[in-house]
Amino acid sequence: MQAIEHLVHEINQYTALAEEVYASTINSEQIAEQTLETAKGVIVPLKFQ
């Protein structure tokens, strides 16, 4: 029984870690999109100078 409890604990830890990685990935994607939009606003006017 103790082995099963240990396994469940390990799975829960990996699940929590996977959720954190997923949230971080989503956050990074949002930052990349914002950076791209900002860069477009800066680079496009430079082409016409």
Protein backbone atom coordinates (compact mmCIF):
# COMPACT_ATOMS: atom_id res chain seq x y z
CA MET A 1 0.00 0.00 0.00
CA GLN A 2 2.85 2.37 0.81
CA ALA A 3 4.30 1.87 -2.68
CA ILE A 4 0.99 2.90 -4.25
CA GLU A 5 0.81 6.01 -2.05
CA HIS A 6 4.35 6.89 -3.06
CA LEU A 7 3.49 6.42 -6.73
CA VAL A 8 0.39 8.61 -6.39
CA HIS A 9 2.50 11.29 -4.68
CA GLU A 10 5.09 11.16 -7.48
CA ILE A 11 2.38 11.42 -10.15
CA ASN A 12 0.86 14.40 -8.35
CA GLN A 13 4.24 16.11 -8.26
CA TYR A 14 4.83 15.54 -11.97
CA THR A 15 1.31 16.75 -12.73
CA ALA A 16 1.90 19.96 -10.77
CA LEU A 17 5.21 20.47 -12.55
CA ALA A 18 3.59 19.91 -15.95
CA GLU A 19 0.91 22.47 -15.10
CA GLU A 20 3.57 25.03 -14.16
CA VAL A 21 5.50 24.39 -17.37
CA TYR A 22 2.31 24.73 -19.41
CA ALA A 23 1.41 28.01 -17.70
CA SER A 24 4.94 29.31 -18.27
CA THR A 25 4.76 28.33 -21.93
CA ILE A 26 1.46 30.15 -22.38
CA ASN A 27 2.92 33.21 -20.64
CA SER A 28 6.00 33.11 -22.88
CA GLU A 29 3.78 32.85 -25.96
CA GLN A 30 1.82 35.92 -24.87
CA ILE A 31 5.03 37.88 -24.25
CA ALA A 32 6.33 36.86 -27.69
CA GLU A 33 3.11 38.05 -29.33
CA GLN A 34 3.30 41.39 -27.48
CA THR A 35 6.95 41.77 -28.45
CA LEU A 36 6.12 41.07 -32.08
CA GLU A 37 3.37 43.69 -32.08
CA THR A 38 5.71 46.22 -30.47
CA ALA A 39 8.44 45.42 -32.99
CA LYS A 40 6.01 45.86 -35.87
CA GLY A 41 5.15 49.31 -34.54
CA VAL A 42 8.82 50.27 -34.41
CA ILE A 43 10.17 48.55 -37.53
CA VAL A 44 7.44 49.51 -39.99
CA PRO A 45 7.96 53.28 -39.54
CA LEU A 46 11.73 52.79 -39.93
CA LYS A 47 11.22 51.33 -43.42
CA PHE A 48 9.71 54.59 -44.59
CA GLN A 49 12.40 56.92 -43.24
